[in-house]
Protein backbone atom coordinates (compact mmCIF):
# COMPACT_ATOMS: atom_id res chain seq x y z
CA MET A 1 -48.01 53.29 47.04
CA THR A 2 -51.62 53.71 47.55
CA PRO A 3 -54.09 51.01 47.47
CA GLN A 4 -56.06 52.83 44.92
CA ASP A 5 -53.40 52.65 42.24
CA PRO A 6 -54.36 49.73 40.13
CA LEU A 7 -51.04 49.59 38.24
CA ALA A 8 -49.15 49.08 41.40
CA GLN A 9 -51.01 45.80 42.07
CA LEU A 10 -49.83 44.23 38.70
CA ARG A 11 -47.03 41.67 38.82
CA ASP A 12 -44.15 41.36 36.38
CA ILE A 13 -44.43 39.14 33.41
CA GLN A 14 -43.71 35.53 34.43
CA LEU A 15 -41.91 33.47 31.51
CA PRO A 16 -42.74 29.89 31.33
CA ALA A 17 -40.01 27.38 32.35
CA THR A 18 -37.65 26.16 29.55
CA GLY A 19 -38.29 22.66 28.05
CA GLY A 20 -34.70 21.42 28.56
CA TRP A 21 -32.55 19.66 26.02
CA TRP A 22 -34.22 16.11 26.28
CA PRO A 23 -36.05 14.76 24.50
CA PRO A 24 -34.94 16.54 21.30
CA ALA A 25 -37.24 17.84 18.64
CA PRO A 26 -38.26 15.47 15.78
CA GLY A 27 -35.80 17.39 13.34
CA TRP A 28 -32.87 16.34 15.53
CA TRP A 29 -33.90 12.78 15.44
CA LEU A 30 -34.10 12.80 11.60
CA LEU A 31 -30.67 14.48 11.50
CA ALA A 32 -29.11 11.84 13.74
CA MET A 33 -30.57 9.07 11.75
CA ALA A 34 -29.31 10.73 8.44
CA VAL A 35 -25.70 11.05 10.07
CA VAL A 36 -25.89 7.39 11.21
CA LEU A 37 -26.91 6.20 7.66
CA CYS A 38 -24.14 8.21 6.07
CA VAL A 39 -21.55 6.75 8.41
CA LEU A 40 -22.78 3.24 7.75
CA ALA A 41 -22.81 3.83 3.98
CA ALA A 42 -19.29 5.39 4.10
CA SER A 43 -18.05 2.35 6.19
CA TRP A 44 -19.52 -0.19 3.83
CA PHE A 45 -18.11 1.55 0.90
CA ALA A 46 -14.63 1.73 2.39
CA VAL A 47 -14.68 -2.00 3.41
CA ARG A 48 -15.87 -2.95 -0.16
CA GLN A 49 -13.13 -0.87 -1.67
CA HIS A 50 -10.48 -2.36 0.61
CA ARG A 51 -11.50 -5.90 -0.21
CA LYS A 52 -11.80 -5.14 -4.03
CA HIS A 53 -8.02 -3.97 -4.13
CA LEU A 54 -6.68 -6.58 -1.69
CA TRP A 55 -5.25 -8.55 -4.71
CA LYS A 56 -3.28 -5.56 -5.95
CA ARG A 57 -1.74 -5.01 -2.56
CA THR A 58 -0.87 -8.61 -2.21
CA SER A 59 0.65 -8.70 -5.68
CA ARG A 60 2.81 -5.72 -4.84
CA HIS A 61 4.03 -7.44 -1.65
CA GLU A 62 4.74 -10.62 -3.59
CA LEU A 63 6.74 -8.69 -6.26
CA ALA A 64 8.82 -7.11 -3.45
CA ARG A 65 9.49 -10.47 -1.94
CA LEU A 66 10.64 -11.84 -5.38
CA LYS A 67 12.90 -8.78 -5.62
CA GLN A 68 14.57 -9.64 -2.42
CA SER A 69 15.13 -13.24 -3.46
CA ALA A 70 15.99 -12.46 -7.14
CA ALA A 71 18.30 -15.36 -8.49
CA PRO A 72 18.73 -16.54 -12.06
CA THR A 73 17.08 -19.94 -11.36
CA PRO A 74 14.10 -21.58 -13.03
CA GLU A 75 12.18 -21.73 -9.78
CA TRP A 76 12.52 -17.93 -9.35
CA PHE A 77 11.24 -17.40 -12.98
CA ALA A 78 8.48 -19.83 -12.35
CA GLY A 79 7.47 -17.77 -9.29
CA ILE A 80 7.41 -14.48 -11.26
CA ASN A 81 5.25 -16.02 -14.10
CA ALA A 82 2.91 -17.50 -11.35
CA LEU A 83 2.66 -14.01 -9.84
CA LEU A 84 1.83 -12.48 -13.22
CA LYS A 85 -0.73 -15.17 -13.89
CA ARG A 86 -2.46 -14.55 -10.53
CA THR A 87 -2.51 -10.82 -11.26
CA ALA A 88 -3.74 -11.35 -14.87
CA ARG A 89 -6.55 -13.58 -13.59
CA GLN A 90 -7.74 -10.74 -11.28
CA ALA A 91 -7.34 -8.06 -13.86
CA PHE A 92 -8.73 -9.88 -16.79
CA PRO A 93 -11.09 -12.62 -15.50
CA ASP A 94 -13.10 -13.01 -18.70
CA ARG A 95 -10.03 -13.88 -20.74
CA HIS A 96 -8.83 -16.78 -18.57
CA PRO A 97 -5.12 -16.07 -18.49
CA GLU A 98 -4.28 -18.60 -16.06
CA ALA A 99 -4.85 -21.37 -18.81
CA LEU A 100 -2.34 -19.81 -21.21
CA THR A 101 1.05 -21.23 -21.62
CA GLY A 102 4.04 -20.81 -23.90
CA GLN A 103 3.60 -18.54 -26.88
CA GLN A 104 -0.05 -17.68 -26.01
CA TRP A 105 1.06 -16.52 -22.50
CA ILE A 106 3.84 -14.32 -24.17
CA GLU A 107 1.39 -12.87 -26.56
CA PHE A 108 -1.13 -12.13 -23.90
CA LEU A 109 1.62 -10.20 -21.78
CA LEU A 110 2.67 -8.30 -24.71
CA GLU A 111 -0.80 -7.47 -25.76
CA THR A 112 -1.62 -6.04 -22.28
CA ALA A 113 1.73 -4.45 -21.72
CA PRO A 114 1.60 -0.79 -21.12
CA ARG A 115 4.35 0.50 -23.43
CA ASP A 116 7.33 -0.67 -25.58
CA ARG A 117 5.84 -3.92 -26.71
CA ILE A 118 8.48 -4.64 -29.27
CA ALA A 119 11.33 -3.70 -26.92
CA SER A 120 9.84 -5.83 -24.21
CA ARG A 121 9.38 -8.98 -26.46
CA PRO A 122 13.02 -10.35 -25.75
CA VAL A 123 12.56 -9.89 -22.00
CA VAL A 124 8.99 -11.42 -21.86
CA GLU A 125 10.08 -14.47 -24.17
CA GLY A 126 13.27 -14.95 -21.91
CA MET A 127 11.14 -14.60 -18.73
CA VAL A 128 8.62 -17.26 -19.76
CA ALA A 129 11.31 -19.59 -21.22
CA SER A 130 13.55 -19.34 -18.25
CA ALA A 131 10.94 -20.91 -16.01
CA TRP A 132 11.98 -24.51 -17.47
CA GLN A 133 15.40 -23.86 -18.93
CA PRO A 134 18.45 -24.55 -16.55
CA ARG A 135 20.20 -21.32 -17.96
CA PRO A 136 18.04 -18.26 -18.10
CA SER A 137 18.23 -15.99 -21.18
CA VAL A 138 17.28 -12.93 -19.29
CA GLN A 139 18.42 -11.26 -15.97
CA PRO A 140 15.90 -11.17 -13.11
CA ASP A 141 16.19 -7.38 -12.78
CA GLN A 142 14.86 -7.10 -16.38
CA ALA A 143 12.04 -9.50 -15.47
CA LEU A 144 11.32 -7.42 -12.38
CA ASP A 145 11.21 -4.15 -14.34
CA PHE A 146 8.81 -5.54 -16.82
CA ALA A 147 6.64 -7.22 -14.22
CA ARG A 148 6.47 -4.01 -12.17
CA ALA A 149 5.53 -1.91 -15.25
CA TRP A 150 2.85 -4.48 -16.30
CA MET A 151 1.38 -4.86 -12.86
CA GLU A 152 1.02 -1.06 -12.40
CA ALA A 153 -0.59 -0.82 -15.91
CA VAL A 154 -3.16 -3.47 -15.38
CA SER A 155 -4.10 -2.70 -11.79
């Protein structure tokens, strides 16, 4: 190299140092906030749905408990009627089914029954009447079948 050669005196291009990963650019901050808001909204919605359908799960568990203790006694039939009234109060709050008794309660159950209303009439009448009669006129498994079908239809 000669000192007269001006190109030999040039240095290589020096790149600036990288900025590093912190702090992130404003776009990443916006993305992070959007993700956090989406997670919070999804969590809120999930908790709300869980609480909204709690009565359905509770009713199903209560029906399973009644199935385990099925007996042709007035107390058992009173229990299944009470369960159906609690379920009806949650499913039809504007109609106040908890205040219905006797024939009005039978008509309400048949009116809101999913299918076979005519065939279900003897079972429903027997189920309601067996709550206060010493000898039930319907078998517990028939009452359980109707209650299960009715609860699935209204919930």
